[in-house]
Amino acid sequence: MKNGTEFLLTDTVGFIQKLPTMLVAAFRATLEEISESSVIVHLVDISHPLAQQQIDAVERVLKELDVESIPKLVVWNKIDNTDEPLSVKEEAQKQGIICISAMNGDGLEDLCNAVQAKLKDSMVPIEAFVPYDKGDLLNDIHKVGMVEKMEYKESGTFVKAHVPLPLARLLTPLRQQVAATV
């Protein structure tokens, strides 16, 4: 991202109607990886004549996988291949859907901003004082969190950030030190 935030984007197999029986188990195993996601980006080829049926199929499978609590972004791709891109964009906007064209790059900045916002929403705000001998934790904060402020002090670093809940729990003792050291 432009602000330095990094994230891993993983692509799963696409939904195929009438999948051969021998592939169903492998397909499901791949989709179960979604349960490890911080954000689900549901990318739809909006120019496809059966786009709505494909959307419905994905929604059913996500419900079966019990991942409805994971933040989700719906993204309509190939907006440039639709008959009326402006009316499609208006409809998408009403529904909170992001429109892009991967081919020409339209909407990609909006998509990145939306992913960043969803990631931040799924994180916990923290303020912690990290002693220099625990620099590995500061590295973790930078790697998986969104740092808003850092101040270097004599015995460590004060950091204000948004981090995933497991890291916030790990930082609990350091969060309690903030009042005493800042």
Protein backbone atom coordinates (compact mmCIF):
# COMPACT_ATOMS: atom_id res chain seq x y z
CA MET A 1 0.00 0.00 0.00
CA LYS A 2 1.08 3.58 -0.46
CA ASN A 3 1.28 4.11 3.31
CA GLY A 4 3.62 1.14 3.75
CA THR A 5 1.00 -1.30 5.01
CA GLU A 6 1.62 -4.80 3.70
CA PHE A 7 -0.86 -7.62 3.40
CA LEU A 8 -0.94 -11.07 1.87
CA LEU A 9 -3.59 -11.62 -0.76
CA THR A 10 -4.42 -15.26 -1.43
CA ASP A 11 -6.51 -16.44 -4.34
CA THR A 12 -8.72 -19.50 -4.01
CA VAL A 13 -10.07 -21.58 -6.83
CA GLY A 14 -13.02 -20.10 -8.66
CA PHE A 15 -16.49 -21.52 -8.33
CA ILE A 16 -17.30 -24.01 -11.03
CA GLN A 17 -20.85 -25.15 -11.60
CA LYS A 18 -21.37 -28.95 -11.67
CA LEU A 19 -17.87 -29.78 -10.42
CA PRO A 20 -16.92 -33.46 -10.93
CA THR A 21 -17.44 -35.47 -7.71
CA MET A 22 -13.75 -36.40 -7.41
CA LEU A 23 -12.79 -32.70 -7.26
CA VAL A 24 -15.40 -31.56 -4.73
CA ALA A 25 -13.32 -32.55 -1.66
CA ALA A 26 -10.19 -30.83 -2.96
CA PHE A 27 -12.23 -27.75 -3.85
CA ARG A 28 -13.74 -27.60 -0.35
CA ALA A 29 -10.32 -28.07 1.30
CA THR A 30 -9.00 -25.09 -0.64
CA LEU A 31 -11.97 -22.97 0.38
CA GLU A 32 -11.54 -23.87 4.05
CA GLU A 33 -8.37 -21.76 3.97
CA ILE A 34 -10.75 -18.79 3.99
CA SER A 35 -11.34 -19.36 7.71
CA GLU A 36 -7.80 -18.05 8.33
CA SER A 37 -8.53 -14.76 6.54
CA SER A 38 -8.68 -11.31 8.09
CA VAL A 39 -10.78 -10.05 5.18
CA ILE A 40 -12.59 -11.87 2.38
CA VAL A 41 -12.50 -10.15 -1.01
CA HIS A 42 -15.28 -11.64 -3.13
CA LEU A 43 -14.29 -10.83 -6.70
CA VAL A 44 -17.11 -11.09 -9.23
CA ASP A 45 -16.91 -10.98 -13.03
CA ILE A 46 -19.84 -8.59 -13.33
CA SER A 47 -19.84 -8.88 -17.13
CA HIS A 48 -20.68 -12.59 -16.93
CA PRO A 49 -24.33 -13.29 -17.85
CA LEU A 50 -24.75 -15.51 -14.76
CA ALA A 51 -22.97 -13.15 -12.34
CA GLN A 52 -25.86 -13.05 -9.84
CA GLN A 53 -26.14 -16.85 -9.72
CA GLN A 54 -22.38 -17.05 -9.12
CA ILE A 55 -22.65 -14.49 -6.32
CA ASP A 56 -25.45 -16.50 -4.72
CA ALA A 57 -23.41 -19.72 -4.98
CA VAL A 58 -20.42 -18.10 -3.28
CA GLU A 59 -22.63 -16.69 -0.51
CA ARG A 60 -24.11 -20.15 0.15
CA VAL A 61 -20.67 -21.75 0.42
CA LEU A 62 -19.36 -18.98 2.70
CA LYS A 63 -22.36 -19.58 4.95
CA GLU A 64 -21.67 -23.35 4.95
CA LEU A 65 -18.04 -22.66 5.87
CA ASP A 66 -19.27 -20.53 8.80
CA VAL A 67 -17.08 -17.56 7.90
CA GLU A 68 -19.82 -14.93 7.99
CA SER A 69 -18.09 -13.14 10.88
CA ILE A 70 -15.03 -12.38 8.74
CA PRO A 71 -15.21 -8.89 7.19
CA LYS A 72 -16.02 -9.08 3.48
CA LEU A 73 -15.65 -6.81 0.48
CA VAL A 74 -17.59 -7.48 -2.69
CA VAL A 75 -15.73 -6.32 -5.79
CA TRP A 76 -17.17 -6.22 -9.27
CA ASN A 77 -14.43 -6.70 -11.86
CA LYS A 78 -14.61 -6.15 -15.63
CA ILE A 79 -16.80 -3.10 -15.13
CA ASP A 80 -15.46 -1.87 -18.48
CA ASN A 81 -17.01 -4.93 -20.20
CA THR A 82 -20.58 -4.11 -19.17
CA ASP A 83 -23.12 -2.49 -21.49
CA GLU A 84 -23.79 0.42 -19.13
CA PRO A 85 -20.80 0.94 -16.82
CA LEU A 86 -22.21 4.11 -15.24
CA SER A 87 -25.50 2.53 -14.17
CA VAL A 88 -23.65 -0.57 -12.94
CA LYS A 89 -21.34 1.66 -10.87
CA GLU A 90 -24.34 3.52 -9.42
CA GLU A 91 -25.98 0.25 -8.41
CA ALA A 92 -22.72 -0.99 -6.89
CA GLN A 93 -22.30 2.21 -4.90
CA LYS A 94 -25.80 1.82 -3.42
CA GLN A 95 -24.83 -1.66 -2.22
CA GLY A 96 -21.36 -0.73 -0.92
CA ILE A 97 -19.68 -2.71 -3.70
CA ILE A 98 -16.37 -1.65 -5.23
CA CYS A 99 -16.05 -1.59 -9.02
CA ILE A 100 -12.75 -2.21 -10.75
CA SER A 101 -11.24 -3.02 -14.08
CA ALA A 102 -8.16 -5.16 -13.55
CA MET A 103 -7.45 -4.70 -17.26
CA ASN A 104 -7.05 -0.91 -17.17
CA GLY A 105 -6.55 -0.33 -13.44
CA ASP A 106 -9.73 1.63 -12.76
CA GLY A 107 -10.84 1.40 -9.14
CA LEU A 108 -7.74 -0.41 -7.85
CA GLU A 109 -6.83 2.43 -5.49
CA ASP A 110 -10.39 2.34 -4.09
CA LEU A 111 -10.02 -1.41 -3.60
CA CYS A 112 -6.70 -1.03 -1.76
CA ASN A 113 -8.17 1.69 0.47
CA ALA A 114 -11.19 -0.50 1.25
CA VAL A 115 -8.99 -3.50 2.09
CA GLN A 116 -6.88 -1.32 4.37
CA ALA A 117 -9.99 0.03 6.12
CA LYS A 118 -11.40 -3.49 6.63
CA LEU A 119 -8.06 -4.72 7.97
CA LYS A 120 -7.88 -1.80 10.39
CA ASP A 121 -11.47 -2.44 11.52
CA SER A 122 -10.52 -6.03 12.36
CA MET A 123 -7.61 -4.91 14.56
CA VAL A 124 -7.30 -3.68 18.12
CA PRO A 125 -5.93 -0.21 18.89
CA ILE A 126 -2.97 -0.38 21.27
CA GLU A 127 -0.46 1.88 22.95
CA ALA A 128 2.58 0.07 24.28
CA PHE A 129 6.07 0.77 25.53
CA VAL A 130 8.43 -1.78 23.98
CA PRO A 131 11.85 -2.04 25.67
CA TYR A 132 14.78 -2.24 23.27
CA ASP A 133 15.52 -5.82 24.37
CA LYS A 134 12.08 -6.82 23.03
CA GLY A 135 12.69 -5.43 19.55
CA ASP A 136 11.24 -8.59 18.03
CA LEU A 137 7.81 -7.47 19.27
CA LEU A 138 8.26 -4.09 17.64
CA ASN A 139 9.14 -5.92 14.43
CA ASP A 140 5.92 -7.97 14.76
CA ILE A 141 3.89 -4.79 15.26
CA HIS A 142 5.33 -3.38 12.03
CA LYS A 143 4.87 -6.65 10.15
CA VAL A 144 1.21 -7.36 10.97
CA GLY A 145 -0.09 -4.09 12.36
CA MET A 146 -0.68 -0.53 11.27
CA VAL A 147 1.63 1.84 13.12
CA GLU A 148 0.25 5.33 13.70
CA LYS A 149 2.92 6.79 15.96
CA MET A 150 6.35 5.87 17.31
CA GLU A 151 8.51 7.73 19.82
CA TYR A 152 12.00 6.57 20.71
CA LYS A 153 12.77 6.94 24.42
CA GLU A 154 15.85 6.20 26.51
CA SER A 155 14.89 2.62 27.39
CA GLY A 156 12.55 1.66 24.54
CA THR A 157 9.96 2.72 22.00
CA PHE A 158 6.46 4.02 22.58
CA VAL A 159 4.18 2.79 19.83
CA LYS A 160 0.56 3.54 18.98
CA ALA A 161 -0.89 1.10 16.44
CA HIS A 162 -3.69 -1.21 15.40
CA VAL A 163 -2.72 -4.89 15.66
CA PRO A 164 -4.46 -8.26 15.37
CA LEU A 165 -6.02 -9.47 18.62
CA PRO A 166 -3.47 -12.28 19.27
CA LEU A 167 -0.61 -9.77 19.14
CA ALA A 168 -2.55 -7.29 21.30
CA ARG A 169 -2.87 -10.02 23.95
CA LEU A 170 0.86 -10.73 23.75
CA LEU A 171 1.55 -7.02 24.25
CA THR A 172 -0.72 -6.69 27.31
CA PRO A 173 2.14 -6.41 29.86
CA LEU A 174 3.81 -3.75 27.73
CA ARG A 175 0.55 -1.86 27.33
CA GLN A 176 0.29 -1.57 31.12
CA GLN A 177 3.76 0.01 31.23
CA VAL A 178 2.74 2.96 29.04
CA ALA A 179 1.47 5.21 31.84
CA ALA A 180 4.60 4.65 33.89
CA THR A 181 7.10 5.33 31.10
CA VAL A 182 5.63 7.97 28.80
